[in-house]
Protein backbone atom coordinates (compact mmCIF):
# COMPACT_ATOMS: atom_id res chain seq x y z
CA UNK A 1 0.00 0.00 0.00
CA UNK A 2 1.35 3.47 -0.84
CA UNK A 3 2.16 5.60 2.17
CA UNK A 4 -0.23 8.38 3.04
CA UNK A 5 1.09 11.90 2.43
CA UNK A 6 2.09 13.86 5.48
CA UNK A 7 -0.76 16.10 6.66
CA UNK A 8 -0.27 19.75 5.79
CA UNK A 9 -3.35 21.07 7.59
CA UNK A 10 -4.98 20.55 10.97
CA UNK A 11 -8.43 21.46 12.28
CA UNK A 12 -8.50 21.70 16.07
CA UNK A 13 -11.78 21.90 17.97
CA UNK A 14 -12.04 23.60 21.34
CA UNK A 15 -12.80 20.24 23.01
CA UNK A 16 -9.44 18.92 21.85
CA UNK A 17 -10.68 16.88 18.86
CA UNK A 18 -8.22 16.99 15.95
CA UNK A 19 -8.73 16.45 12.22
CA UNK A 20 -5.76 16.21 9.85
CA UNK A 21 -5.79 16.67 6.10
CA UNK A 22 -4.18 18.38 3.13
CA UNK A 23 -4.07 22.15 3.15
CA UNK A 24 -4.74 24.48 0.24
CA UNK A 25 -5.14 28.19 -0.21
CA UNK A 26 -3.30 30.51 2.18
CA UNK A 27 -1.02 29.32 4.96
CA UNK A 28 -1.30 30.25 8.62
CA UNK A 29 -3.93 29.86 11.31
CA UNK A 30 -7.56 31.03 11.36
CA UNK A 31 -9.91 30.87 14.35
CA UNK A 32 -13.69 30.93 13.94
CA UNK A 33 -16.99 29.23 14.61
CA UNK A 34 -17.46 26.10 12.50
CA UNK A 35 -20.70 25.51 10.59
CA UNK A 36 -21.73 23.15 7.80
CA UNK A 37 -23.48 23.97 4.52
CA UNK A 38 -25.49 21.37 2.62
CA UNK A 39 -25.63 23.13 -0.78
CA UNK A 40 -24.48 21.06 -3.76
CA UNK A 41 -23.22 24.09 -5.67
CA UNK A 42 -22.27 27.71 -5.15
CA UNK A 43 -19.15 27.36 -3.01
CA UNK A 44 -17.78 30.65 -4.34
CA UNK A 45 -20.98 32.51 -3.51
CA UNK A 46 -20.97 30.94 -0.04
CA UNK A 47 -17.37 31.91 0.67
CA UNK A 48 -18.06 35.52 -0.39
CA UNK A 49 -21.36 35.84 1.50
CA UNK A 50 -20.76 38.50 4.21
CA UNK A 51 -23.10 36.58 6.53
CA UNK A 52 -20.25 34.06 7.03
CA UNK A 53 -17.94 36.55 8.76
CA UNK A 54 -16.35 34.89 11.78
CA UNK A 55 -17.06 31.38 10.48
CA UNK A 56 -15.34 28.46 8.75
CA UNK A 57 -17.58 26.42 6.46
CA UNK A 58 -17.67 22.64 6.20
CA UNK A 59 -19.12 21.62 2.84
CA UNK A 60 -21.14 18.42 3.08
CA UNK A 61 -21.08 17.98 -0.72
CA UNK A 62 -17.73 16.33 -1.60
CA UNK A 63 -17.04 17.91 -5.03
CA UNK A 64 -15.71 21.39 -4.31
CA UNK A 65 -13.63 23.33 -6.81
CA UNK A 66 -15.01 21.51 -9.83
CA UNK A 67 -16.36 24.61 -11.60
CA UNK A 68 -13.52 26.95 -10.62
CA UNK A 69 -14.13 30.58 -9.74
CA UNK A 70 -14.86 33.73 -11.69
CA UNK A 71 -15.39 37.41 -10.80
CA UNK A 72 -19.07 37.40 -11.75
CA UNK A 73 -20.01 34.93 -9.00
CA UNK A 74 -18.56 36.91 -6.08
CA UNK A 75 -21.25 38.10 -3.67
CA UNK A 76 -18.83 40.70 -2.32
CA UNK A 77 -15.34 41.82 -3.31
CA UNK A 78 -13.42 39.13 -1.39
CA UNK A 79 -14.11 35.95 0.58
CA UNK A 80 -15.55 36.70 4.00
CA UNK A 81 -15.63 33.21 5.53
CA UNK A 82 -12.33 32.51 7.29
CA UNK A 83 -11.80 29.12 5.67
CA UNK A 84 -13.32 25.99 4.21
CA UNK A 85 -13.35 22.27 5.01
CA UNK A 86 -13.98 19.66 2.28
CA UNK A 87 -14.01 15.88 2.02
CA UNK A 88 -11.91 15.60 -1.13
CA UNK A 89 -9.13 17.89 -2.24
CA UNK A 90 -10.48 20.48 -4.72
CA UNK A 91 -10.64 19.10 -8.24
CA UNK A 92 -9.53 20.68 -11.49
CA UNK A 93 -12.14 23.14 -12.76
CA UNK A 94 -14.27 22.05 -15.69
CA UNK A 95 -16.56 24.90 -16.65
CA UNK A 96 -16.49 27.42 -19.49
CA UNK A 97 -16.97 30.30 -17.03
CA UNK A 98 -13.98 29.37 -14.84
CA UNK A 99 -11.33 32.11 -14.69
CA UNK A 100 -9.02 30.45 -12.14
CA UNK A 101 -8.73 27.57 -9.69
CA UNK A 102 -10.29 27.66 -6.25
CA UNK A 103 -6.96 26.96 -4.58
CA UNK A 104 -5.17 29.97 -6.08
CA UNK A 105 -8.18 32.18 -5.51
CA UNK A 106 -8.17 31.36 -1.78
CA UNK A 107 -4.41 31.83 -1.52
CA UNK A 108 -4.53 35.30 -3.07
CA UNK A 109 -7.26 36.32 -0.68
CA UNK A 110 -5.78 34.94 2.53
CA UNK A 111 -8.28 32.16 3.17
CA UNK A 112 -7.32 28.68 4.42
CA UNK A 113 -8.70 25.37 3.19
CA UNK A 114 -8.34 21.77 4.33
CA UNK A 115 -9.28 18.65 2.36
CA UNK A 116 -9.35 14.92 3.05
CA UNK A 117 -11.50 15.04 6.20
CA UNK A 118 -14.42 12.87 7.17
CA UNK A 119 -16.95 15.67 6.81
CA UNK A 120 -19.83 13.36 7.76
CA UNK A 121 -18.29 12.80 11.18
CA UNK A 122 -17.62 16.53 11.52
CA UNK A 123 -21.18 17.41 10.52
CA UNK A 124 -22.63 14.94 13.02
CA UNK A 125 -20.51 16.51 15.75
CA UNK A 126 -21.79 19.97 14.86
CA UNK A 127 -25.42 18.80 14.88
CA UNK A 128 -25.06 17.00 18.20
CA UNK A 129 -22.82 19.42 20.10
CA UNK A 130 -23.58 22.76 18.45
CA UNK A 131 -21.32 24.91 16.30
CA UNK A 132 -17.83 24.52 17.83
CA UNK A 133 -15.04 27.06 18.05
CA UNK A 134 -12.07 25.90 16.00
CA UNK A 135 -8.58 26.77 14.81
CA UNK A 136 -7.61 25.82 11.26
CA UNK A 137 -3.90 25.68 10.43
CA UNK A 138 -2.16 25.18 7.07
CA UNK A 139 1.59 24.55 7.03
CA UNK A 140 3.18 23.00 3.91
CA UNK A 141 5.83 21.40 6.16
CA UNK A 142 3.22 19.82 8.40
CA UNK A 143 4.53 21.35 11.62
CA UNK A 144 1.73 22.07 14.10
CA UNK A 145 1.74 23.28 17.69
CA UNK A 146 -1.30 21.31 18.79
CA UNK A 147 -1.55 22.82 22.27
CA UNK A 148 -1.43 26.32 20.79
CA UNK A 149 -4.12 25.45 18.22
CA UNK A 150 -6.48 24.07 20.86
CA UNK A 151 -5.83 27.13 23.01
CA UNK A 152 -6.58 29.39 20.05
CA UNK A 153 -9.86 27.57 19.43
CA UNK A 154 -10.81 27.92 23.09
CA UNK A 155 -9.85 31.59 22.99
CA UNK A 156 -12.20 32.43 20.14
CA UNK A 157 -14.85 34.70 21.71
CA UNK A 158 -17.77 33.30 19.70
CA UNK A 159 -20.48 35.18 17.83
CA UNK A 160 -22.83 35.84 20.75
CA UNK A 161 -22.68 39.53 21.58
CA UNK A 162 -20.50 40.25 18.54
CA UNK A 163 -21.44 43.00 16.08
CA UNK A 164 -19.87 42.04 12.74
CA UNK A 165 -22.06 44.15 10.47
CA UNK A 166 -19.74 47.12 10.98
CA UNK A 167 -16.86 45.01 9.64
CA UNK A 168 -18.54 44.03 6.37
CA UNK A 169 -20.74 47.02 5.54
CA UNK A 170 -19.88 49.56 2.84
CA UNK A 171 -17.73 52.54 3.79
CA UNK A 172 -19.99 55.05 2.04
CA UNK A 173 -23.26 55.18 0.14
CA UNK A 174 -23.52 54.17 -3.50
CA UNK A 175 -26.09 53.54 -6.24
CA UNK A 176 -26.88 50.08 -7.64
CA UNK A 177 -28.48 49.32 -11.03
CA UNK A 178 -27.14 45.87 -12.05
CA UNK A 179 -29.86 43.27 -12.56
CA UNK A 180 -29.91 39.47 -12.30
CA UNK A 181 -27.80 37.34 -14.64
CA UNK A 182 -29.71 36.04 -17.65
CA UNK A 183 -28.68 34.04 -20.69
CA UNK A 184 -27.22 35.10 -23.07
CA UNK A 185 -26.67 38.74 -22.06
CA UNK A 186 -25.31 38.06 -18.57
CA UNK A 187 -25.70 41.01 -16.21
CA UNK A 188 -27.58 43.99 -17.60
CA UNK A 189 -28.34 47.45 -16.19
CA UNK A 190 -31.75 48.72 -15.15
CA UNK A 191 -32.83 51.78 -17.09
CA UNK A 192 -35.53 54.36 -16.61
CA UNK A 193 -37.37 55.46 -13.45
CA UNK A 194 -37.89 53.07 -10.58
CA UNK A 195 -39.13 52.89 -7.02
CA UNK A 196 -36.68 54.78 -4.79
CA UNK A 197 -35.33 52.25 -2.31
CA UNK A 198 -32.77 52.79 0.42
CA UNK A 199 -31.00 49.51 1.18
CA UNK A 200 -29.25 49.27 4.54
CA UNK A 201 -26.06 47.25 4.11
CA UNK A 202 -25.49 44.96 7.10
CA UNK A 203 -23.46 42.73 4.76
CA UNK A 204 -25.59 42.75 1.62
CA UNK A 205 -25.07 40.13 -1.06
CA UNK A 206 -24.81 41.50 -4.58
CA UNK A 207 -27.55 39.23 -5.85
CA UNK A 208 -30.01 40.70 -3.37
CA UNK A 209 -29.31 44.14 -4.81
CA UNK A 210 -29.66 42.70 -8.31
CA UNK A 211 -33.06 41.27 -7.41
CA UNK A 212 -34.20 44.65 -6.14
CA UNK A 213 -33.07 46.26 -9.40
CA UNK A 214 -34.76 43.52 -11.44
CA UNK A 215 -38.00 44.17 -9.53
CA UNK A 216 -37.90 47.79 -10.71
CA UNK A 217 -36.14 49.48 -7.81
CA UNK A 218 -33.82 52.48 -8.00
CA UNK A 219 -31.45 51.39 -5.23
CA UNK A 220 -29.26 53.55 -3.01
CA UNK A 221 -27.15 51.57 -0.53
CA UNK A 222 -26.28 53.09 2.86
CA UNK A 223 -23.87 51.79 5.55
CA UNK A 224 -25.17 49.75 8.48
CA UNK A 225 -24.74 52.69 10.87
CA UNK A 226 -26.94 55.05 8.82
CA UNK A 227 -29.30 57.10 10.98
CA UNK A 228 -32.99 57.60 10.35
CA UNK A 229 -32.28 61.16 9.27
CA UNK A 230 -29.78 59.93 6.67
CA UNK A 231 -32.23 57.31 5.40
CA UNK A 232 -35.20 59.64 5.17
CA UNK A 233 -33.10 62.37 3.53
CA UNK A 234 -33.27 60.25 0.35
CA UNK A 235 -37.09 60.42 0.41
CA UNK A 236 -37.36 56.65 -0.11
CA UNK A 237 -40.50 54.94 -1.31
CA UNK A 238 -39.27 51.82 0.47
CA UNK A 239 -36.54 50.74 2.90
CA UNK A 240 -34.75 47.43 2.58
CA UNK A 241 -32.83 45.75 5.45
CA UNK A 242 -30.12 43.38 4.21
CA UNK A 243 -28.57 40.14 5.38
CA UNK A 244 -25.41 40.17 7.49
CA UNK A 245 -23.30 38.39 10.13
CA UNK A 246 -22.98 38.35 13.91
CA UNK A 247 -25.35 38.67 16.83
CA UNK A 248 -28.49 40.65 15.86
CA UNK A 249 -28.85 41.98 19.40
CA UNK A 250 -25.39 43.58 19.14
CA UNK A 251 -26.07 45.15 15.73
CA UNK A 252 -29.46 46.23 17.03
CA UNK A 253 -27.82 48.65 19.44
CA UNK A 254 -27.57 51.19 16.61
CA UNK A 255 -29.84 49.63 13.95
CA UNK A 256 -33.03 49.31 15.99
CA UNK A 257 -33.42 53.04 16.80
CA UNK A 258 -33.11 53.86 13.09
CA UNK A 259 -35.67 51.21 12.11
CA UNK A 260 -38.12 52.35 14.79
CA UNK A 261 -37.98 55.90 13.42
CA UNK A 262 -38.53 54.66 9.87
CA UNK A 263 -41.49 52.57 11.03
CA UNK A 264 -43.14 55.75 12.27
CA UNK A 265 -43.41 56.79 8.62
CA UNK A 266 -45.86 55.14 6.26
CA UNK A 267 -43.11 53.50 4.17
CA UNK A 268 -42.93 49.86 3.00
CA UNK A 269 -40.13 47.94 4.73
CA UNK A 270 -38.66 44.60 3.63
CA UNK A 271 -35.96 42.63 5.47
CA UNK A 272 -33.93 39.50 4.73
CA UNK A 273 -31.92 37.33 7.18
CA UNK A 274 -30.20 39.74 9.63
CA UNK A 275 -32.53 42.42 8.29
CA UNK A 276 -35.45 40.18 9.31
CA UNK A 277 -34.01 39.90 12.79
CA UNK A 278 -33.40 43.67 12.97
CA UNK A 279 -37.03 44.35 12.05
CA UNK A 280 -38.24 41.85 14.66
CA UNK A 281 -36.13 43.50 17.36
CA UNK A 282 -37.41 46.94 16.36
CA UNK A 283 -40.99 45.64 16.69
CA UNK A 284 -40.31 44.33 20.19
CA UNK A 285 -39.40 40.66 19.68
CA UNK A 286 -36.19 38.91 20.76
CA UNK A 287 -33.60 36.75 19.02
CA UNK A 288 -31.79 33.64 20.27
CA UNK A 289 -28.68 31.67 19.27
CA UNK A 290 -29.38 28.38 17.52
CA UNK A 291 -27.57 25.11 18.21
CA UNK A 292 -25.97 24.88 14.78
CA UNK A 293 -28.04 27.21 12.62
CA UNK A 294 -29.42 26.74 9.13
CA UNK A 295 -26.97 26.74 6.22
CA UNK A 296 -27.94 25.26 2.88
CA UNK A 297 -29.98 25.53 -0.30
CA UNK A 298 -32.65 22.92 0.38
CA UNK A 299 -34.60 24.17 3.40
CA UNK A 300 -38.39 23.71 3.21
CA UNK A 301 -40.36 26.69 4.50
CA UNK A 302 -44.15 26.88 4.83
CA UNK A 303 -46.01 30.08 4.00
CA UNK A 304 -48.69 30.13 6.71
CA UNK A 305 -50.82 32.52 4.66
CA UNK A 306 -51.12 30.38 1.53
CA UNK A 307 -50.14 26.94 2.83
CA UNK A 308 -47.51 26.72 0.09
CA UNK A 309 -44.15 25.09 0.80
CA UNK A 310 -41.06 26.77 -0.68
CA UNK A 311 -37.58 25.29 -0.96
CA UNK A 312 -35.22 28.02 0.18
CA UNK A 313 -31.62 28.98 0.82
CA UNK A 314 -30.66 29.78 4.40
CA UNK A 315 -27.63 31.01 6.25
CA UNK A 316 -28.17 32.04 9.86
CA UNK A 317 -27.04 31.05 13.33
CA UNK A 318 -29.55 33.20 15.25
CA UNK A 319 -33.33 33.17 14.96
CA UNK A 320 -36.32 35.25 15.97
CA UNK A 321 -38.13 33.81 18.99
CA UNK A 322 -41.69 33.61 17.68
CA UNK A 323 -43.01 33.41 21.24
CA UNK A 324 -41.92 37.04 21.77
CA UNK A 325 -43.70 38.55 18.75
CA UNK A 326 -45.91 41.39 20.01
CA UNK A 327 -49.57 41.94 19.20
CA UNK A 328 -50.07 43.20 15.68
CA UNK A 329 -47.09 41.24 14.32
CA UNK A 330 -47.90 37.87 12.80
CA UNK A 331 -45.69 34.92 11.96
CA UNK A 332 -45.91 34.33 8.20
CA UNK A 333 -43.38 31.55 7.52
CA UNK A 334 -41.94 28.63 9.50
CA UNK A 335 -39.18 26.10 8.91
CA UNK A 336 -40.44 22.58 8.26
CA UNK A 337 -37.15 21.22 9.62
CA UNK A 338 -37.51 22.52 13.17
CA UNK A 339 -40.50 24.88 13.30
CA UNK A 340 -38.35 27.96 13.83
CA UNK A 341 -39.55 31.35 12.66
CA UNK A 342 -38.86 32.24 9.02
CA UNK A 343 -41.02 35.29 8.41
CA UNK A 344 -43.08 38.07 10.00
CA UNK A 345 -45.40 40.85 8.88
CA UNK A 346 -47.04 43.84 10.56
CA UNK A 347 -50.78 43.46 10.28
CA UNK A 348 -52.37 46.03 8.00
CA UNK A 349 -49.07 47.56 6.89
CA UNK A 350 -46.57 46.82 4.07
CA UNK A 351 -43.85 45.83 6.54
CA UNK A 352 -42.55 42.29 6.29
CA UNK A 353 -39.38 40.20 6.40
CA UNK A 354 -38.10 36.65 5.95
CA UNK A 355 -35.28 34.69 7.54
CA UNK A 356 -34.30 32.86 4.37
CA UNK A 357 -32.66 34.17 1.17
CA UNK A 358 -35.19 34.71 -1.65
CA UNK A 359 -32.39 35.87 -3.96
CA UNK A 360 -31.04 32.29 -3.74
CA UNK A 361 -27.42 32.67 -4.70
CA UNK A 362 -26.88 29.76 -4.63
CA UNK A 363 -30.18 27.94 -4.45
CA UNK A 364 -33.76 27.66 -5.72
CA UNK A 365 -35.83 30.51 -7.13
CA UNK A 366 -39.12 29.76 -5.36
CA UNK A 367 -39.22 32.99 -3.37
CA UNK A 368 -38.40 35.78 -5.84
CA UNK A 369 -42.04 36.87 -5.53
CA UNK A 370 -41.11 38.65 -2.28
CA UNK A 371 -39.16 41.29 -4.22
CA UNK A 372 -42.18 41.75 -6.49
CA UNK A 373 -44.40 42.04 -3.40
CA UNK A 374 -42.13 44.79 -2.05
CA UNK A 375 -42.29 46.63 -5.39
CA UNK A 376 -46.08 46.25 -5.52
CA UNK A 377 -46.40 47.69 -2.01
CA UNK A 378 -44.40 50.76 -3.05
CA UNK A 379 -46.46 51.15 -6.22
CA UNK A 380 -49.67 51.04 -4.20
CA UNK A 381 -48.39 53.69 -1.77
CA UNK A 382 -47.37 56.00 -4.62
CA UNK A 383 -50.77 55.58 -6.26
CA UNK A 384 -52.67 56.63 -3.13
């Protein structure tokens, strides 16, 4: 039997469990919370999703790297997840859109990868014990200070109480007019007048902004710390609250007062993911940390209004506690995996939000209607 190659990467969990494999991408050590994602495609979009700040992603699908990477599929300028864990070493890309290999892309952008692990065992551990704190090391020589790695994992502060939106938000406001990718033109630009929307960037994915533009919105993006005065100065017809990372209660320290002031105006409001949690907090509900969160592109969600089941993309480690929703706020969607809250709406007002990702990048397209609902609410307000 041929000898096994010497490990060049090590994943150390805070409880002392060690996983060895072959490293790729950048060298060095990264500490983070470990989560798993069940999507069968879209690894580039997942790695560049700002909602993964402070996390390392274990991919349960074994073929990672097979379609390469390209600039068009980035959800933000650079990878935000600290690293990635895969079962098999990344394969050679085989796709006409590939511009470079995953390995080189990660190396240029300072992100660490490890391959050759039993990701099923790792995923079971996450499900049973909760999302662990870990240290991921890549050394081409295979030299690891195990005690230091375990100590680094134990020293990671965790995401509870951590405001990460400030780290991933835009530095200044900007306009957005790019629409969703479509064959054969690719990305096109929205032209003509549209509904004036202010999008609050808590870590917004580009495809969410594209969906707003495709639904007929004239989008202005503002930083996460924007005040109500700054938002309302744009005279918006609607306000959008984006996805993002970290503990919603921590981000809510500055986001909730702004949202409360906006809610005093008769303006449609739409939130996604962290934006959903921000809206819930502003309405008086609470959020809680989940055991291991929801991360994947195959999550069934039931619309309690229509009875319809949608297959959705999700990426969140905190959730809205539906038991704390105040009077006048109804639960509109629930997860069919665990019954957790996936949507709310203010009764009698065009104010609503969902926990999942209707822009689905990657994932199914079942829920794009929510962007159209937001646009329709603004159209109705303008017509009055």
